[in-house]
Amino acid sequence: MILASFGASLLVTIVAVILLIPRLHRAGITGKDMNKPRRNKIPRGRPVYPEIPEMGGLAIVAGTGVGISVALAMMSFFHVLADASTVLLLAALAVILLTGLIGIIDDLLGGCSKSNPVTTPPEGMRQLVKAFSPSVAALSLVAVRDRHRLRSRLSGGSTSGSSTPCSWCRLG
């Protein structure tokens, strides 16, 4: 049954990449690929960097969201994947969607200048903000774990190495 979730996620990701990348390129949502200079087109000794579409990660976010949604549907309607936790799956989905939103904001603000990306300072999000933004998105996972520990303490169980899983999140 987990293969159905994986298969749906893979299929949506592949289809989304095929449909999304050409549309992003036509819309002008592109950036310079700084890792692949075109050696054969060097005007005045400067390498020319190819334009590639940005925001291709939307396809991965969509595929992962569909995979988690299929897993939740199988748990709810077909009563399979009984060991999986609905709360943890929804928290993971929230983290993925918020991280995707941070990526969209970064891409739309502009990662670097179009004129000279090597010497011009970046216009978009700073690297420090990019590094710590996913930790803000991961707060939902921290909240799930803290709630589990609080319930465990209130019920008189130990906070680490508990042998009985929590009834609502199935964390041990």
N, C-alpha and C. Protein backbone atom coordinates (compact mmCIF):
# COMPACT_ATOMS: atom_id res chain seq x y z
N MET A 1 0.81 -1.20 0.00
CA MET A 1 0.00 0.00 0.00
C MET A 1 0.85 1.27 0.00
N ILE A 2 2.04 1.15 0.58
CA ILE A 2 2.92 2.31 0.57
C ILE A 2 3.42 2.58 -0.85
N LEU A 3 3.41 1.56 -1.69
CA LEU A 3 3.80 1.75 -3.08
C LEU A 3 2.80 2.62 -3.83
N ALA A 4 1.54 2.59 -3.45
CA ALA A 4 0.54 3.46 -4.08
C ALA A 4 0.84 4.92 -3.78
N SER A 5 1.20 5.20 -2.55
CA SER A 5 1.55 6.57 -2.18
C SER A 5 2.81 7.02 -2.92
N PHE A 6 3.82 6.15 -2.96
CA PHE A 6 5.05 6.48 -3.67
C PHE A 6 4.80 6.65 -5.17
N GLY A 7 4.00 5.75 -5.75
CA GLY A 7 3.71 5.82 -7.18
C GLY A 7 2.96 7.09 -7.56
N ALA A 8 1.98 7.47 -6.73
CA ALA A 8 1.24 8.71 -7.00
C ALA A 8 2.16 9.91 -6.89
N SER A 9 3.02 9.91 -5.90
CA SER A 9 3.96 11.01 -5.73
C SER A 9 4.92 11.11 -6.91
N LEU A 10 5.46 9.99 -7.33
CA LEU A 10 6.39 9.97 -8.46
C LEU A 10 5.70 10.42 -9.75
N LEU A 11 4.50 9.92 -10.00
CA LEU A 11 3.77 10.28 -11.21
C LEU A 11 3.46 11.77 -11.26
N VAL A 12 2.97 12.32 -10.16
CA VAL A 12 2.64 13.74 -10.12
C VAL A 12 3.90 14.58 -10.29
N THR A 13 5.00 14.18 -9.68
CA THR A 13 6.24 14.94 -9.81
C THR A 13 6.74 14.95 -11.24
N ILE A 14 6.74 13.81 -11.90
CA ILE A 14 7.22 13.73 -13.28
C ILE A 14 6.33 14.55 -14.21
N VAL A 15 5.02 14.41 -14.08
CA VAL A 15 4.09 15.17 -14.93
C VAL A 15 4.22 16.67 -14.65
N ALA A 16 4.36 17.04 -13.39
CA ALA A 16 4.49 18.46 -13.05
C ALA A 16 5.78 19.05 -13.60
N VAL A 17 6.87 18.30 -13.57
CA VAL A 17 8.13 18.80 -14.14
C VAL A 17 7.98 19.01 -15.64
N ILE A 18 7.36 18.04 -16.31
CA ILE A 18 7.19 18.13 -17.77
C ILE A 18 6.31 19.33 -18.13
N LEU A 19 5.28 19.59 -17.35
CA LEU A 19 4.38 20.71 -17.65
C LEU A 19 4.89 22.05 -17.14
N LEU A 20 5.58 22.05 -16.02
CA LEU A 20 5.94 23.30 -15.35
C LEU A 20 7.18 23.97 -15.92
N ILE A 21 8.21 23.22 -16.24
CA ILE A 21 9.48 23.81 -16.65
C ILE A 21 9.35 24.65 -17.93
N PRO A 22 8.69 24.17 -18.99
CA PRO A 22 8.55 25.03 -20.18
C PRO A 22 7.72 26.29 -19.91
N ARG A 23 6.71 26.17 -19.06
CA ARG A 23 5.88 27.34 -18.76
C ARG A 23 6.66 28.38 -17.95
N LEU A 24 7.48 27.93 -17.03
CA LEU A 24 8.31 28.86 -16.27
C LEU A 24 9.32 29.55 -17.18
N HIS A 25 9.86 28.82 -18.12
CA HIS A 25 10.81 29.41 -19.05
C HIS A 25 10.13 30.46 -19.92
N ARG A 26 8.93 30.16 -20.43
CA ARG A 26 8.19 31.13 -21.24
C ARG A 26 7.77 32.35 -20.44
N ALA A 27 7.48 32.16 -19.14
CA ALA A 27 7.06 33.28 -18.30
C ALA A 27 8.24 34.15 -17.87
N GLY A 28 9.45 33.71 -18.14
CA GLY A 28 10.62 34.50 -17.80
C GLY A 28 11.07 34.33 -16.36
N ILE A 29 10.59 33.30 -15.70
CA ILE A 29 11.04 33.02 -14.33
C ILE A 29 12.27 32.13 -14.44
N THR A 30 13.38 32.76 -14.78
CA THR A 30 14.62 32.04 -15.01
C THR A 30 15.75 32.66 -14.21
N GLY A 31 16.79 31.92 -14.11
CA GLY A 31 18.00 32.39 -13.45
C GLY A 31 19.21 31.84 -14.18
N LYS A 32 20.36 32.39 -13.90
CA LYS A 32 21.58 31.94 -14.56
C LYS A 32 22.16 30.76 -13.80
N ASP A 33 22.48 29.71 -14.54
CA ASP A 33 23.11 28.53 -13.95
C ASP A 33 24.60 28.82 -13.81
N MET A 34 25.00 29.14 -12.60
CA MET A 34 26.38 29.56 -12.34
C MET A 34 27.37 28.40 -12.41
N ASN A 35 26.88 27.18 -12.50
CA ASN A 35 27.76 26.01 -12.51
C ASN A 35 28.11 25.53 -13.91
N LYS A 36 27.46 26.08 -14.93
CA LYS A 36 27.67 25.60 -16.29
C LYS A 36 27.92 26.75 -17.26
N PRO A 37 29.10 27.33 -17.26
CA PRO A 37 29.36 28.38 -18.26
C PRO A 37 29.50 27.76 -19.64
N ARG A 38 29.00 28.45 -20.64
CA ARG A 38 29.14 27.98 -22.02
C ARG A 38 30.51 28.43 -22.52
N ARG A 39 31.39 27.49 -22.68
CA ARG A 39 32.78 27.80 -23.05
C ARG A 39 32.87 28.30 -24.50
N ASN A 40 31.96 27.83 -25.36
CA ASN A 40 32.07 28.20 -26.76
C ASN A 40 31.49 29.59 -27.06
N LYS A 41 30.82 30.23 -26.11
CA LYS A 41 30.24 31.55 -26.32
C LYS A 41 30.79 32.51 -25.28
N ILE A 42 32.05 32.84 -25.39
CA ILE A 42 32.68 33.71 -24.41
C ILE A 42 32.96 35.06 -25.06
N PRO A 43 32.09 36.07 -24.82
CA PRO A 43 32.37 37.39 -25.38
C PRO A 43 33.36 38.14 -24.49
N ARG A 44 34.41 38.66 -25.09
CA ARG A 44 35.42 39.46 -24.40
C ARG A 44 36.00 38.74 -23.19
N GLY A 45 36.17 37.45 -23.26
CA GLY A 45 36.79 36.71 -22.18
C GLY A 45 35.87 36.38 -21.01
N ARG A 46 34.61 36.72 -21.09
CA ARG A 46 33.66 36.43 -20.01
C ARG A 46 32.80 35.23 -20.36
N PRO A 47 32.61 34.32 -19.43
CA PRO A 47 31.73 33.18 -19.72
C PRO A 47 30.26 33.60 -19.74
N VAL A 48 29.48 32.97 -20.60
CA VAL A 48 28.04 33.21 -20.68
C VAL A 48 27.36 32.06 -19.96
N TYR A 49 26.51 32.39 -19.01
CA TYR A 49 25.83 31.36 -18.23
C TYR A 49 24.45 31.10 -18.82
N PRO A 50 24.06 29.83 -18.98
CA PRO A 50 22.75 29.53 -19.56
C PRO A 50 21.61 29.90 -18.62
N GLU A 51 20.50 30.30 -19.21
CA GLU A 51 19.29 30.62 -18.43
C GLU A 51 18.51 29.32 -18.19
N ILE A 52 18.18 29.07 -16.95
CA ILE A 52 17.38 27.89 -16.61
C ILE A 52 16.16 28.34 -15.81
N PRO A 53 15.05 27.63 -15.92
CA PRO A 53 13.86 28.00 -15.16
C PRO A 53 14.06 27.79 -13.67
N GLU A 54 13.54 28.74 -12.89
CA GLU A 54 13.55 28.60 -11.44
C GLU A 54 12.19 28.06 -11.00
N MET A 55 12.06 27.77 -9.73
CA MET A 55 10.83 27.27 -9.11
C MET A 55 10.42 25.89 -9.62
N GLY A 56 11.38 25.10 -10.08
CA GLY A 56 11.08 23.72 -10.44
C GLY A 56 10.77 22.87 -9.21
N GLY A 57 11.14 23.37 -8.04
CA GLY A 57 10.84 22.66 -6.80
C GLY A 57 9.35 22.57 -6.51
N LEU A 58 8.55 23.40 -7.19
CA LEU A 58 7.09 23.30 -7.03
C LEU A 58 6.59 21.91 -7.43
N ALA A 59 7.23 21.31 -8.42
CA ALA A 59 6.84 19.97 -8.85
C ALA A 59 7.11 18.95 -7.74
N ILE A 60 8.22 19.11 -7.06
CA ILE A 60 8.56 18.19 -5.97
C ILE A 60 7.61 18.40 -4.79
N VAL A 61 7.30 19.65 -4.49
CA VAL A 61 6.35 19.95 -3.41
C VAL A 61 4.98 19.37 -3.74
N ALA A 62 4.54 19.52 -5.00
CA ALA A 62 3.24 18.97 -5.40
C ALA A 62 3.23 17.44 -5.31
N GLY A 63 4.30 16.81 -5.77
CA GLY A 63 4.37 15.36 -5.71
C GLY A 63 4.38 14.83 -4.29
N THR A 64 5.14 15.49 -3.42
CA THR A 64 5.18 15.07 -2.03
C THR A 64 3.84 15.28 -1.34
N GLY A 65 3.20 16.40 -1.65
CA GLY A 65 1.87 16.67 -1.08
C GLY A 65 0.85 15.62 -1.51
N VAL A 66 0.90 15.23 -2.77
CA VAL A 66 -0.01 14.19 -3.26
C VAL A 66 0.30 12.86 -2.59
N GLY A 67 1.58 12.54 -2.43
CA GLY A 67 1.95 11.28 -1.78
C GLY A 67 1.45 11.21 -0.35
N ILE A 68 1.60 12.31 0.39
CA ILE A 68 1.11 12.34 1.78
C ILE A 68 -0.42 12.29 1.80
N SER A 69 -1.06 12.97 0.85
CA SER A 69 -2.53 12.95 0.79
C SER A 69 -3.05 11.56 0.47
N VAL A 70 -2.37 10.85 -0.42
CA VAL A 70 -2.78 9.47 -0.72
C VAL A 70 -2.60 8.59 0.50
N ALA A 71 -1.51 8.77 1.23
CA ALA A 71 -1.30 7.98 2.46
C ALA A 71 -2.39 8.28 3.48
N LEU A 72 -2.76 9.55 3.64
CA LEU A 72 -3.83 9.91 4.57
C LEU A 72 -5.18 9.33 4.13
N ALA A 73 -5.44 9.36 2.83
CA ALA A 73 -6.69 8.79 2.31
C ALA A 73 -6.74 7.28 2.53
N MET A 74 -5.62 6.60 2.32
CA MET A 74 -5.60 5.15 2.55
C MET A 74 -5.80 4.83 4.02
N MET A 75 -5.25 5.68 4.90
CA MET A 75 -5.43 5.46 6.34
C MET A 75 -6.90 5.68 6.73
N SER A 76 -7.51 6.70 6.17
CA SER A 76 -8.87 7.07 6.57
C SER A 76 -9.93 6.17 5.96
N PHE A 77 -9.83 5.88 4.66
CA PHE A 77 -10.89 5.19 3.97
C PHE A 77 -10.69 3.69 3.87
N PHE A 78 -9.46 3.23 3.78
CA PHE A 78 -9.20 1.81 3.58
C PHE A 78 -8.59 1.15 4.81
N HIS A 79 -8.30 1.92 5.84
CA HIS A 79 -7.75 1.42 7.10
C HIS A 79 -6.48 0.60 6.90
N VAL A 80 -5.61 1.09 6.03
CA VAL A 80 -4.29 0.50 5.85
C VAL A 80 -3.27 1.48 6.42
N LEU A 81 -2.06 1.07 6.53
CA LEU A 81 -1.00 1.88 7.15
C LEU A 81 -1.40 2.27 8.57
N ALA A 82 -1.87 1.30 9.33
CA ALA A 82 -2.35 1.58 10.68
C ALA A 82 -1.24 2.07 11.60
N ASP A 83 0.01 1.75 11.29
CA ASP A 83 1.10 2.17 12.15
C ASP A 83 1.51 3.63 11.92
N ALA A 84 1.04 4.21 10.83
CA ALA A 84 1.42 5.60 10.53
C ALA A 84 0.61 6.56 11.39
N SER A 85 1.17 7.70 11.65
CA SER A 85 0.52 8.71 12.48
C SER A 85 -0.04 9.82 11.60
N THR A 86 -1.32 10.09 11.74
CA THR A 86 -1.95 11.17 11.00
C THR A 86 -1.35 12.52 11.40
N VAL A 87 -1.12 12.71 12.67
CA VAL A 87 -0.57 13.98 13.15
C VAL A 87 0.82 14.22 12.58
N LEU A 88 1.66 13.20 12.57
CA LEU A 88 3.01 13.37 12.04
C LEU A 88 2.99 13.59 10.53
N LEU A 89 2.09 12.92 9.82
CA LEU A 89 2.00 13.13 8.38
C LEU A 89 1.54 14.55 8.07
N LEU A 90 0.57 15.05 8.81
CA LEU A 90 0.10 16.42 8.59
C LEU A 90 1.17 17.44 8.98
N ALA A 91 1.92 17.16 10.03
CA ALA A 91 3.01 18.06 10.42
C ALA A 91 4.10 18.07 9.35
N ALA A 92 4.42 16.91 8.80
CA ALA A 92 5.41 16.85 7.72
C ALA A 92 4.91 17.58 6.48
N LEU A 93 3.63 17.45 6.18
CA LEU A 93 3.06 18.17 5.04
C LEU A 93 3.15 19.68 5.26
N ALA A 94 2.89 20.13 6.48
CA ALA A 94 3.00 21.56 6.78
C ALA A 94 4.43 22.05 6.60
N VAL A 95 5.39 21.27 7.04
CA VAL A 95 6.81 21.65 6.89
C VAL A 95 7.17 21.74 5.40
N ILE A 96 6.74 20.77 4.62
CA ILE A 96 7.06 20.76 3.19
C ILE A 96 6.43 21.95 2.49
N LEU A 97 5.17 22.25 2.80
CA LEU A 97 4.49 23.37 2.15
C LEU A 97 5.11 24.71 2.56
N LEU A 98 5.45 24.86 3.83
CA LEU A 98 6.07 26.11 4.26
C LEU A 98 7.47 26.29 3.68
N THR A 99 8.22 25.21 3.57
CA THR A 99 9.53 25.30 2.94
C THR A 99 9.40 25.64 1.46
N GLY A 100 8.41 25.07 0.79
CA GLY A 100 8.14 25.43 -0.60
C GLY A 100 7.76 26.89 -0.75
N LEU A 101 6.97 27.41 0.20
CA LEU A 101 6.60 28.83 0.17
C LEU A 101 7.83 29.72 0.34
N ILE A 102 8.74 29.32 1.20
CA ILE A 102 9.99 30.08 1.37
C ILE A 102 10.79 30.07 0.07
N GLY A 103 10.82 28.95 -0.61
CA GLY A 103 11.51 28.87 -1.90
C GLY A 103 10.86 29.75 -2.96
N ILE A 104 9.53 29.79 -2.99
CA ILE A 104 8.82 30.65 -3.94
C ILE A 104 9.15 32.11 -3.67
N ILE A 105 9.11 32.50 -2.41
CA ILE A 105 9.42 33.89 -2.06
C ILE A 105 10.85 34.24 -2.49
N ASP A 106 11.78 33.33 -2.24
CA ASP A 106 13.17 33.58 -2.62
C ASP A 106 13.30 33.71 -4.13
N ASP A 107 12.65 32.84 -4.89
CA ASP A 107 12.76 32.90 -6.34
C ASP A 107 12.10 34.14 -6.92
N LEU A 108 10.98 34.55 -6.36
CA LEU A 108 10.30 35.73 -6.88
C LEU A 108 11.01 37.03 -6.49
N LEU A 109 11.68 37.06 -5.34
CA LEU A 109 12.45 38.24 -4.97
C LEU A 109 13.70 38.38 -5.82
N GLY A 110 14.14 37.29 -6.38
CA GLY A 110 15.33 37.33 -7.23
C GLY A 110 16.55 36.88 -6.47
N GLY A 111 17.14 35.79 -6.90
CA GLY A 111 18.30 35.26 -6.22
C GLY A 111 19.54 36.09 -6.42
N CYS A 112 19.77 36.58 -7.63
CA CYS A 112 20.91 37.46 -7.87
C CYS A 112 20.59 38.34 -9.06
N SER A 113 21.42 39.34 -9.26
CA SER A 113 21.18 40.32 -10.31
C SER A 113 21.34 39.68 -11.68
N LYS A 114 20.52 40.12 -12.62
CA LYS A 114 20.60 39.57 -13.98
C LYS A 114 21.78 40.18 -14.75
N SER A 115 22.25 41.37 -14.35
CA SER A 115 23.30 42.02 -15.13
C SER A 115 24.65 41.34 -14.95
N ASN A 116 25.11 41.20 -13.72
CA ASN A 116 26.38 40.54 -13.45
C ASN A 116 26.27 39.81 -12.12
N PRO A 117 25.88 38.55 -12.14
CA PRO A 117 25.62 37.83 -10.90
C PRO A 117 26.86 37.56 -10.06
N VAL A 118 28.06 37.71 -10.64
CA VAL A 118 29.27 37.42 -9.89
C VAL A 118 29.65 38.59 -8.99
N THR A 119 29.59 39.81 -9.52
CA THR A 119 30.06 40.96 -8.75
C THR A 119 28.97 41.73 -8.04
N THR A 120 27.71 41.60 -8.49
CA THR A 120 26.61 42.35 -7.88
C THR A 120 26.10 41.59 -6.66
N PRO A 121 25.85 42.27 -5.54
CA PRO A 121 25.32 41.56 -4.37
C PRO A 121 23.90 41.06 -4.64
N PRO A 122 23.48 39.99 -3.96
CA PRO A 122 22.16 39.42 -4.22
C PRO A 122 21.03 40.37 -3.84
N GLU A 123 19.95 40.32 -4.62
CA GLU A 123 18.79 41.15 -4.37
C GLU A 123 17.73 40.43 -3.54
N GLY A 124 17.74 39.12 -3.56
CA GLY A 124 16.70 38.34 -2.89
C GLY A 124 17.00 38.13 -1.42
N MET A 125 16.60 36.97 -0.93
CA MET A 125 16.82 36.63 0.46
C MET A 125 18.31 36.41 0.72
N ARG A 126 18.78 36.85 1.83
CA ARG A 126 20.17 36.63 2.21
C ARG A 126 20.38 35.17 2.58
N GLN A 127 21.63 34.71 2.50
CA GLN A 127 21.93 33.31 2.76
C GLN A 127 21.59 32.91 4.19
N LEU A 128 21.77 33.81 5.14
CA LEU A 128 21.44 33.50 6.53
C LEU A 128 19.95 33.26 6.69
N VAL A 129 19.14 34.06 6.01
CA VAL A 129 17.69 33.89 6.07
C VAL A 129 17.30 32.56 5.41
N LYS A 130 17.93 32.25 4.29
CA LYS A 130 17.64 30.98 3.60
C LYS A 130 18.01 29.78 4.48
N ALA A 131 19.08 29.92 5.24
CA ALA A 131 19.54 28.80 6.07
C ALA A 131 18.61 28.54 7.24
N PHE A 132 18.07 29.60 7.85
CA PHE A 132 17.27 29.41 9.06
C PHE A 132 15.77 29.39 8.82
N SER A 133 15.30 29.71 7.63
CA SER A 133 13.85 29.69 7.36
C SER A 133 13.23 28.30 7.48
N PRO A 134 13.88 27.24 7.00
CA PRO A 134 13.27 25.92 7.18
C PRO A 134 13.11 25.51 8.65
N SER A 135 13.95 26.04 9.53
CA SER A 135 13.78 25.71 10.95
C SER A 135 12.50 26.33 11.49
N VAL A 136 12.10 27.48 10.97
CA VAL A 136 10.82 28.06 11.35
C VAL A 136 9.69 27.18 10.84
N ALA A 137 9.84 26.65 9.64
CA ALA A 137 8.82 25.76 9.09
C ALA A 137 8.72 24.46 9.88
N ALA A 138 9.82 24.02 10.45
CA ALA A 138 9.85 22.75 11.18
C ALA A 138 9.28 22.86 12.59
N LEU A 139 8.83 24.03 12.99
CA LEU A 139 8.27 24.18 14.34
C LEU A 139 7.05 23.29 14.57
N SER A 140 6.31 22.97 13.50
CA SER A 140 5.17 22.08 13.69
C SER A 140 5.61 20.69 14.14
N LEU A 141 6.74 20.21 13.64
CA LEU A 141 7.25 18.91 14.10
C LEU A 141 7.71 18.98 15.55
N VAL A 142 8.32 20.10 15.92
CA VAL A 142 8.76 20.28 17.31
C VAL A 142 7.54 20.32 18.23
N ALA A 143 6.47 20.98 17.78
CA ALA A 143 5.25 21.07 18.59
C ALA A 143 4.64 19.69 18.80
N VAL A 144 4.67 18.84 17.79
CA VAL A 144 4.13 17.48 17.93
C VAL A 144 4.95 16.71 18.95
N ARG A 145 6.26 16.80 18.86
CA ARG A 145 7.12 16.07 19.79
C ARG A 145 6.96 16.59 21.23
N ASP A 146 6.88 17.92 21.39
CA ASP A 146 6.70 18.48 22.73
C ASP A 146 5.35 18.09 23.32
N ARG A 147 4.32 18.06 22.50
CA ARG A 147 3.00 17.66 23.00
C ARG A 147 3.02 16.21 23.46
N HIS A 148 3.74 15.39 22.71
CA HIS A 148 3.87 13.98 23.11
C HIS A 148 4.58 13.87 24.45
N ARG A 149 5.66 14.62 24.62
CA ARG A 149 6.41 14.56 25.89
C ARG A 149 5.56 15.09 27.04
N LEU A 150 4.78 16.13 26.80
CA LEU A 150 3.91 16.68 27.84
C LEU A 150 2.85 15.66 28.25
N ARG A 151 2.24 14.99 27.27
CA ARG A 151 1.24 13.96 27.60
C ARG A 151 1.87 12.81 28.36
N SER A 152 3.10 12.46 27.96
CA SER A 152 3.79 11.37 28.63
C SER A 152 4.08 11.73 30.09
N ARG A 153 4.48 12.97 30.34
CA ARG A 153 4.75 13.39 31.71
C ARG A 153 3.48 13.44 32.54
N LEU A 154 2.40 13.92 31.94
CA LEU A 154 1.15 14.03 32.68
C LEU A 154 0.56 12.66 33.03
N SER A 155 0.83 11.68 32.16
CA SER A 155 0.31 10.34 32.43
C SER A 155 1.23 9.53 33.34
N GLY A 156 2.38 10.11 33.69
CA GLY A 156 3.30 9.44 34.60
C GLY A 156 4.32 8.58 33.92
N GLY A 157 4.37 8.60 32.57
CA GLY A 157 5.35 7.81 31.83
C GLY A 157 6.67 8.54 31.74
N SER A 158 7.68 7.85 31.26
CA SER A 158 8.98 8.48 31.09
C SER A 158 9.00 9.25 29.78
N THR A 159 9.88 10.23 29.68
CA THR A 159 9.93 11.05 28.47
C THR A 159 10.82 10.44 27.41
N SER A 160 11.72 9.56 27.78
CA SER A 160 12.58 8.95 26.77
C SER A 160 12.54 7.44 26.93
N GLY A 161 12.56 6.76 25.80
CA GLY A 161 12.57 5.31 25.81
C GLY A 161 11.26 4.70 26.26
N SER A 162 10.17 5.39 26.08
CA SER A 162 8.86 4.87 26.48
C SER A 162 8.50 3.67 25.61
N SER A 163 8.05 2.60 26.22
CA SER A 163 7.73 1.40 25.46
C SER A 163 6.31 1.43 24.93
N THR A 164 5.43 2.21 25.53
CA THR A 164 4.06 2.30 25.05
C THR A 164 3.92 3.53 24.18
N PRO A 165 3.43 3.37 22.95
CA PRO A 165 3.30 4.52 22.08
C PRO A 165 2.13 5.39 22.49
N CYS A 166 2.24 6.66 22.19
CA CYS A 166 1.17 7.61 22.46
C CYS A 166 -0.02 7.24 21.57
N SER A 167 -1.22 7.36 22.08
CA SER A 167 -2.39 6.91 21.32
C SER A 167 -2.72 7.82 20.14
N TRP A 168 -2.33 9.09 20.19
CA TRP A 168 -2.72 9.98 19.09
C TRP A 168 -1.60 10.26 18.10
N CYS A 169 -0.34 10.08 18.50
CA CYS A 169 0.74 10.34 17.53
C CYS A 169 1.60 9.11 17.30
N ARG A 170 1.44 8.08 18.07
CA ARG A 170 2.16 6.81 17.95
C ARG A 170 3.67 6.97 18.09
N LEU A 171 4.10 7.98 18.82
CA LEU A 171 5.52 8.11 19.13
C LEU A 171 5.83 7.31 20.36
N GLY A 172 6.91 6.57 20.32
CA GLY A 172 7.26 5.74 21.46
C GLY A 172 8.05 6.44 22.50
